[in-house]
Amino acid sequence: MSFIWPPMLLTLLLIPIGLLLYRFLDSRRRRRLAAYGGSGLAQAVTRRPGGLRGRVPAVLVLCGLVAMSLALARPQAVVSLPRQEGTVILAFDVSASMAATDLQPTRMAAAKAAAKDFVARQPASIDVGVVAFSDSGVSVQQPTNDQATVVSAIDRLTPERGTSVGEGILASLKVIAVAEAGPYANNYYSNASPAPTATPTPTPVPAGTHAPAVIILLSDGENNESPDPMTAAQTAADQGVRIYTVGLGSAAGTTVDLNGFQVFTQLDQATLQQISQVTGGAYYGATDTQQLVSIYNNIDTGLVLQPQLTEITSLFAGASLLLLIAGALTSLYWLGRLP
């Protein structure tokens, strides 16, 4: 336990001083009573019941004063507080087809707007990370509850090359693993680290077992790079991570100008639906950017006990008040006067 105002602990010194003063005044009162009314009267007025009853009120008051002094110093202690936590990875398709205008103003712009609206609605207990993928997966922002940082990462996204939905899923899983392992899970700067070994195959678990972490995949679903997106989705399912897919674009499709070449692109809704189905997630069409907000209602969070340095002044203040009241009541009942 520590104290925010440790100098206030000096008030504890006033307690023995006050005790000595009380004894001095009580002794002087007895002498005066003895002088005016005789020793018999003094003993009758100042007598106390023997044994435990004579000591309990004083002990209660003394403990109450100690608790009050500790409360004045504002004590704080590490307390394990329950809180709901979760991790959401926004996996953005940043392939060249995301510049298509069949979703106004473009698929990319609509995805950004929906994602930023989603981020703004999240509580502080939800960490949001950003992964961008085209022909490879890249972590743009590690999970954080700093919404301004996440929004800045989203704003930096621009359409690039081909599309590898599988790489986007695998990159998102790596980000989740790193975030949950903590910043010191890997000793990158030590030459004493053991040689890398083959990554073990995870034991399959029921879909959604890894409830506090989910992936929101924003893509048109068109895949032209390895690995197979369904294989990557199965990897996520084996780890119990749900994937919610958001289809960007229209089934009718449109033509995009890519470096002077006219390329037809359309929403591959079937692939995105299969990915969400395999992992126990859900598919959403993004014809209305507000639809993404409803995904939060389907995200499970985990109840964890998080140690936090918490001020516990109220506990000591409450204990002090109860002890002082108890001391006063017992003194009135047993001694017929306040202590």
Protein backbone atom coordinates (compact mmCIF):
# COMPACT_ATOMS: atom_id res chain seq x y z
CA MET A 1 0.00 0.00 0.00
CA SER A 2 1.22 3.53 -0.79
CA PHE A 3 -0.04 7.02 -0.05
CA ILE A 4 -0.73 10.01 -2.28
CA TRP A 5 -0.19 12.48 0.60
CA PRO A 6 2.35 10.69 2.85
CA PRO A 7 3.08 13.82 4.97
CA MET A 8 -0.44 13.45 6.42
CA LEU A 9 0.76 10.31 8.16
CA LEU A 10 2.34 12.65 10.69
CA THR A 11 -1.16 13.09 12.11
CA LEU A 12 -0.70 9.64 13.63
CA LEU A 13 1.66 11.32 16.12
CA LEU A 14 -1.25 13.36 17.41
CA ILE A 15 -3.01 10.21 18.65
CA PRO A 16 -0.57 9.29 21.46
CA ILE A 17 -0.28 13.00 22.31
CA GLY A 18 -4.05 13.21 22.55
CA LEU A 19 -4.13 10.04 24.64
CA LEU A 20 -1.61 11.44 27.12
CA LEU A 21 -3.56 14.71 27.26
CA TYR A 22 -6.78 12.81 27.92
CA ARG A 23 -5.18 10.86 30.74
CA PHE A 24 -3.77 14.06 32.21
CA LEU A 25 -7.15 15.83 32.14
CA ASP A 26 -8.90 12.77 33.53
CA SER A 27 -6.40 12.58 36.39
CA ARG A 28 -6.83 16.27 37.16
CA ARG A 29 -10.60 15.89 37.18
CA ARG A 30 -10.32 13.09 39.70
CA ARG A 31 -8.14 15.19 41.94
CA ARG A 32 -10.63 18.06 41.84
CA LEU A 33 -13.53 15.76 42.65
CA ALA A 34 -11.55 14.29 45.49
CA ALA A 35 -10.79 17.78 46.83
CA TYR A 36 -14.43 18.94 46.73
CA GLY A 37 -16.36 15.80 47.42
CA GLY A 38 -14.02 13.31 48.91
CA SER A 39 -12.40 10.26 47.48
CA GLY A 40 -15.61 8.23 47.65
CA LEU A 41 -17.46 10.67 45.38
CA ALA A 42 -14.55 10.78 42.92
CA GLN A 43 -14.48 7.02 42.72
CA ALA A 44 -18.25 6.84 42.26
CA VAL A 45 -18.25 9.38 39.41
CA THR A 46 -15.20 8.12 37.59
CA ARG A 47 -15.50 4.40 38.13
CA ARG A 48 -15.35 2.20 35.08
CA PRO A 49 -16.54 -1.37 34.67
CA GLY A 50 -13.66 -3.75 34.87
CA GLY A 51 -12.47 -6.27 32.30
CA LEU A 52 -13.28 -6.06 28.60
CA ARG A 53 -16.13 -3.55 28.90
CA GLY A 54 -13.86 -0.93 30.33
CA ARG A 55 -11.43 -1.16 27.42
CA VAL A 56 -13.58 -1.79 24.33
CA PRO A 57 -14.87 1.81 23.81
CA ALA A 58 -11.38 3.27 24.10
CA VAL A 59 -9.92 0.69 21.70
CA LEU A 60 -12.66 1.35 19.15
CA VAL A 61 -12.13 5.11 19.28
CA LEU A 62 -8.36 4.67 19.05
CA CYS A 63 -8.69 2.43 15.98
CA GLY A 64 -11.11 4.93 14.43
CA LEU A 65 -8.60 7.75 14.88
CA VAL A 66 -5.83 5.65 13.29
CA ALA A 67 -8.08 4.86 10.31
CA MET A 68 -8.93 8.56 9.97
CA SER A 69 -5.24 9.52 9.88
CA LEU A 70 -4.57 6.91 7.21
CA ALA A 71 -7.54 8.20 5.19
CA LEU A 72 -6.12 11.74 5.32
CA ALA A 73 -2.95 10.42 3.65
CA ARG A 74 -5.07 9.08 0.73
CA PRO A 75 -3.97 5.42 0.65
CA GLN A 76 -3.83 3.50 -2.61
CA ALA A 77 -3.33 -0.17 -3.33
CA VAL A 78 -3.18 -2.54 -6.29
CA VAL A 79 -6.68 -3.94 -6.68
CA SER A 80 -7.80 -6.49 -9.26
CA LEU A 81 -10.82 -4.85 -10.85
CA PRO A 82 -13.12 -6.72 -13.26
CA ARG A 83 -13.60 -5.15 -16.66
CA GLN A 84 -14.85 -6.18 -20.06
CA GLU A 85 -12.09 -6.31 -22.65
CA GLY A 86 -11.93 -7.17 -26.31
CA THR A 87 -9.73 -6.78 -29.38
CA VAL A 88 -11.04 -5.88 -32.82
CA ILE A 89 -8.82 -6.04 -35.90
CA LEU A 90 -10.01 -3.98 -38.85
CA ALA A 91 -8.53 -5.76 -41.88
CA PHE A 92 -8.72 -3.45 -44.91
CA ASP A 93 -8.51 -4.58 -48.50
CA VAL A 94 -6.24 -1.95 -50.11
CA SER A 95 -6.00 -3.56 -53.53
CA ALA A 96 -6.35 -1.44 -56.66
CA SER A 97 -9.98 -2.55 -57.09
CA MET A 98 -10.89 -0.60 -53.96
CA ALA A 99 -10.71 2.56 -56.05
CA ALA A 100 -13.90 1.46 -57.84
CA THR A 101 -16.83 3.86 -57.65
CA ASP A 102 -19.74 1.40 -57.47
CA LEU A 103 -19.87 2.34 -53.78
CA GLN A 104 -19.85 6.12 -53.48
CA PRO A 105 -17.56 7.93 -53.47
CA THR A 106 -15.24 4.90 -53.76
CA ARG A 107 -15.09 1.51 -52.10
CA MET A 108 -12.05 2.61 -50.10
CA ALA A 109 -13.63 5.87 -48.96
CA ALA A 110 -16.82 4.07 -47.91
CA ALA A 111 -14.80 1.50 -45.97
CA LYS A 112 -12.88 4.24 -44.17
CA ALA A 113 -16.04 6.14 -43.27
CA ALA A 114 -17.74 3.04 -41.91
CA ALA A 115 -14.66 1.98 -39.95
CA LYS A 116 -14.14 5.40 -38.38
CA ASP A 117 -17.77 5.52 -37.36
CA PHE A 118 -17.34 2.08 -35.81
CA VAL A 119 -14.19 3.14 -33.91
CA ALA A 120 -15.89 6.25 -32.52
CA ARG A 121 -18.61 4.11 -30.93
CA GLN A 122 -16.29 1.73 -29.07
CA PRO A 123 -15.79 1.92 -25.29
CA ALA A 124 -12.32 2.38 -23.82
CA SER A 125 -12.15 -1.34 -22.95
CA ILE A 126 -12.07 -2.31 -26.65
CA ASP A 127 -8.67 -2.21 -28.38
CA VAL A 128 -8.81 -1.68 -32.14
CA GLY A 129 -5.99 -2.59 -34.53
CA VAL A 130 -5.62 -1.95 -38.27
CA VAL A 131 -4.25 -4.38 -40.86
CA ALA A 132 -3.94 -3.49 -44.55
CA PHE A 133 -3.64 -6.16 -47.22
CA SER A 134 -3.24 -6.19 -50.97
CA ASP A 135 -0.91 -8.92 -52.28
CA SER A 136 0.48 -9.21 -48.72
CA GLY A 137 -0.68 -8.41 -45.20
CA VAL A 138 0.83 -5.52 -43.23
CA SER A 139 0.02 -4.37 -39.71
CA VAL A 140 -0.61 -0.64 -39.88
CA GLN A 141 -1.58 -0.13 -36.24
CA GLN A 142 -1.24 -2.45 -33.24
CA PRO A 143 -4.42 -2.75 -31.13
CA THR A 144 -5.00 0.29 -28.93
CA ASN A 145 -7.90 2.08 -27.27
CA ASP A 146 -6.54 5.43 -28.48
CA GLN A 147 -9.21 6.20 -31.06
CA ALA A 148 -7.35 9.17 -32.55
CA THR A 149 -4.37 6.92 -33.33
CA VAL A 150 -6.59 4.31 -34.98
CA VAL A 151 -8.40 6.93 -37.08
CA SER A 152 -5.05 8.35 -38.23
CA ALA A 153 -3.96 4.87 -39.33
CA ILE A 154 -7.20 4.42 -41.28
CA ASP A 155 -6.78 7.79 -43.00
CA ARG A 156 -3.33 6.77 -44.28
CA LEU A 157 -4.68 3.80 -46.25
CA THR A 158 -4.59 4.05 -50.06
CA PRO A 159 -5.30 1.52 -52.86
CA GLU A 160 -2.21 -0.41 -53.95
CA ARG A 161 -1.72 -3.68 -55.87
CA GLY A 162 -3.34 -7.12 -56.07
CA THR A 163 -5.54 -8.88 -53.53
CA SER A 164 -4.68 -11.64 -51.07
CA VAL A 165 -7.55 -12.04 -48.66
CA GLY A 166 -5.75 -14.98 -47.08
CA GLU A 167 -2.72 -12.85 -46.23
CA GLY A 168 -5.01 -10.30 -44.64
CA ILE A 169 -6.53 -12.95 -42.37
CA LEU A 170 -3.15 -14.45 -41.41
CA ALA A 171 -1.66 -11.02 -40.70
CA SER A 172 -4.64 -10.21 -38.48
CA LEU A 173 -4.15 -13.43 -36.50
CA LYS A 174 -0.48 -12.55 -35.95
CA VAL A 175 -1.43 -9.10 -34.67
CA ILE A 176 -3.89 -10.67 -32.22
CA ALA A 177 -1.25 -13.13 -30.99
CA VAL A 178 1.35 -10.38 -30.48
CA ALA A 179 -1.14 -8.12 -28.69
CA GLU A 180 -2.17 -10.86 -26.28
CA ALA A 181 1.40 -12.01 -25.64
CA GLY A 182 2.36 -8.54 -24.41
CA PRO A 183 5.31 -6.29 -25.28
CA TYR A 184 7.92 -8.50 -23.61
CA ALA A 185 6.87 -11.85 -25.01
CA ASN A 186 9.81 -11.93 -27.45
CA ASN A 187 13.33 -11.04 -26.46
CA TYR A 188 14.36 -9.46 -29.76
CA TYR A 189 17.56 -7.93 -28.44
CA SER A 190 19.14 -10.96 -26.78
CA ASN A 191 21.63 -13.22 -28.55
CA ALA A 192 20.77 -15.88 -25.99
CA SER A 193 17.38 -16.54 -27.52
CA PRO A 194 16.86 -20.15 -28.58
CA ALA A 195 16.92 -21.04 -32.23
CA PRO A 196 13.50 -20.74 -33.89
CA THR A 197 11.52 -23.91 -34.11
CA ALA A 198 8.71 -24.94 -36.36
CA THR A 199 5.38 -23.34 -35.47
CA PRO A 200 3.18 -26.05 -33.92
CA THR A 201 -0.17 -26.75 -35.51
CA PRO A 202 -2.85 -25.31 -33.23
CA THR A 203 -5.37 -27.71 -31.76
CA PRO A 204 -8.75 -26.90 -33.29
CA VAL A 205 -11.26 -25.36 -30.90
CA PRO A 206 -14.93 -24.49 -31.37
CA ALA A 207 -15.61 -21.36 -33.40
CA GLY A 208 -15.84 -18.30 -31.21
CA THR A 209 -13.81 -19.79 -28.35
CA HIS A 210 -11.38 -16.91 -28.74
CA ALA A 211 -14.31 -14.60 -28.08
CA PRO A 212 -12.53 -11.43 -26.88
CA ALA A 213 -10.75 -11.07 -30.24
CA VAL A 214 -12.47 -10.75 -33.62
CA ILE A 215 -11.54 -9.71 -37.13
CA ILE A 216 -13.63 -7.38 -39.26
CA LEU A 217 -12.62 -7.96 -42.88
CA LEU A 218 -13.54 -5.10 -45.22
CA SER A 219 -13.08 -6.23 -48.82
CA ASP A 220 -14.72 -6.73 -52.20
CA GLY A 221 -13.79 -10.41 -51.83
CA GLU A 222 -11.95 -10.70 -55.17
CA ASN A 223 -8.84 -12.79 -54.54
CA ASN A 224 -6.00 -13.16 -57.07
CA GLU A 225 -3.06 -14.05 -54.84
CA SER A 226 -2.14 -16.97 -52.59
CA PRO A 227 -2.79 -18.31 -50.01
CA ASP A 228 -6.28 -19.65 -50.42
CA PRO A 229 -8.61 -17.45 -48.32
CA MET A 230 -10.62 -20.47 -47.17
CA THR A 231 -7.46 -22.12 -45.80
CA ALA A 232 -6.66 -18.94 -43.88
CA ALA A 233 -10.25 -18.78 -42.63
CA GLN A 234 -9.96 -22.34 -41.35
CA THR A 235 -6.79 -21.35 -39.48
CA ALA A 236 -8.76 -18.59 -37.78
CA ALA A 237 -11.57 -21.03 -36.99
CA ASP A 238 -9.06 -23.49 -35.48
CA GLN A 239 -7.93 -20.72 -33.13
CA GLY A 240 -11.52 -19.83 -32.25
CA VAL A 241 -11.34 -16.35 -33.82
CA ARG A 242 -14.51 -15.10 -35.50
CA ILE A 243 -14.30 -13.15 -38.76
CA TYR A 244 -17.03 -10.67 -39.67
CA THR A 245 -16.87 -9.85 -43.35
CA VAL A 246 -18.07 -6.60 -44.89
CA GLY A 247 -18.69 -6.71 -48.63
CA LEU A 248 -17.63 -3.53 -50.42
CA GLY A 249 -18.95 -2.97 -53.92
CA SER A 250 -21.86 -4.17 -55.99
CA ALA A 251 -22.71 -7.54 -57.48
CA ALA A 252 -23.14 -5.82 -60.86
CA GLY A 253 -19.56 -4.56 -60.69
CA THR A 254 -17.83 -1.71 -62.47
CA THR A 255 -14.74 -0.95 -64.54
CA VAL A 256 -11.59 0.50 -62.96
CA ASP A 257 -8.74 2.22 -64.80
CA LEU A 258 -5.49 0.57 -63.61
CA ASN A 259 -2.43 2.18 -65.15
CA GLY A 260 -4.19 2.66 -68.45
CA PHE A 261 -5.86 -0.75 -68.43
CA GLN A 262 -9.61 -1.14 -68.03
CA VAL A 263 -10.28 -3.87 -65.47
CA PHE A 264 -13.72 -5.13 -64.53
CA THR A 265 -14.28 -5.72 -60.82
CA GLN A 266 -17.30 -6.86 -58.83
CA LEU A 267 -18.19 -7.92 -55.31
CA ASP A 268 -17.44 -11.59 -54.59
CA GLN A 269 -20.12 -12.00 -51.98
CA ALA A 270 -19.93 -15.82 -51.95
CA THR A 271 -16.29 -15.90 -50.79
CA LEU A 272 -16.89 -13.41 -48.00
CA GLN A 273 -19.96 -15.31 -46.82
CA GLN A 274 -18.00 -18.58 -46.72
CA ILE A 275 -15.22 -16.96 -44.67
CA SER A 276 -17.66 -15.68 -42.08
CA GLN A 277 -19.55 -18.97 -42.02
CA VAL A 278 -16.44 -21.09 -41.46
CA THR A 279 -15.33 -18.93 -38.50
CA GLY A 280 -18.73 -18.49 -36.90
CA GLY A 281 -18.95 -14.80 -37.80
CA ALA A 282 -21.44 -13.00 -40.02
CA TYR A 283 -21.52 -11.28 -43.41
CA TYR A 284 -22.64 -7.68 -43.89
CA GLY A 285 -23.25 -5.79 -47.08
CA ALA A 286 -21.85 -2.26 -46.98
CA THR A 287 -24.23 -0.60 -49.40
CA ASP A 288 -25.14 1.47 -46.37
CA THR A 289 -22.02 2.44 -44.43
CA GLN A 290 -24.04 2.55 -41.19
CA GLN A 291 -24.47 -1.22 -41.31
CA LEU A 292 -20.96 -1.75 -39.96
CA VAL A 293 -21.95 -0.25 -36.61
CA SER A 294 -24.30 -3.16 -35.91
CA ILE A 295 -21.34 -5.57 -35.88
CA TYR A 296 -20.42 -4.41 -32.38
CA ASN A 297 -23.61 -5.94 -31.02
CA ASN A 298 -22.28 -9.36 -32.08
CA ILE A 299 -18.80 -8.98 -30.60
CA ASP A 300 -18.24 -10.86 -27.36
CA THR A 301 -15.97 -9.39 -24.74
CA GLY A 302 -14.05 -11.19 -22.04
CA LEU A 303 -14.38 -10.45 -18.33
CA VAL A 304 -10.85 -10.12 -16.95
CA LEU A 305 -9.37 -9.08 -13.63
CA GLN A 306 -6.96 -6.26 -14.30
CA PRO A 307 -4.65 -5.12 -11.47
CA GLN A 308 -4.87 -1.35 -11.08
CA LEU A 309 -3.42 1.09 -8.58
CA THR A 310 -6.60 2.37 -6.95
CA GLU A 311 -7.17 4.98 -4.27
CA ILE A 312 -8.94 3.39 -1.27
CA THR A 313 -9.41 6.49 0.86
CA SER A 314 -13.16 5.90 1.04
CA LEU A 315 -12.63 2.50 2.65
CA PHE A 316 -10.49 3.93 5.44
CA ALA A 317 -12.80 6.92 5.90
CA GLY A 318 -15.83 4.64 6.16
CA ALA A 319 -14.05 2.33 8.61
CA SER A 320 -13.02 5.33 10.70
CA LEU A 321 -16.60 6.61 10.90
CA LEU A 322 -17.98 3.20 11.90
CA LEU A 323 -15.33 2.67 14.57
CA LEU A 324 -15.86 6.11 16.11
CA ILE A 325 -19.64 5.61 16.19
CA ALA A 326 -19.23 2.14 17.70
CA GLY A 327 -16.85 3.53 20.32
CA ALA A 328 -19.27 6.33 21.24
CA LEU A 329 -22.30 4.01 21.49
CA THR A 330 -20.54 1.37 23.59
CA SER A 331 -19.19 4.08 25.89
CA LEU A 332 -22.65 5.58 26.39
CA TYR A 333 -24.20 2.16 27.01
CA TRP A 334 -21.56 0.73 29.32
CA LEU A 335 -20.05 3.85 30.91
CA GLY A 336 -22.94 6.27 30.73
CA ARG A 337 -20.85 8.94 28.99
CA LEU A 338 -18.89 9.63 25.81
CA PRO A 339 -15.28 8.47 25.79
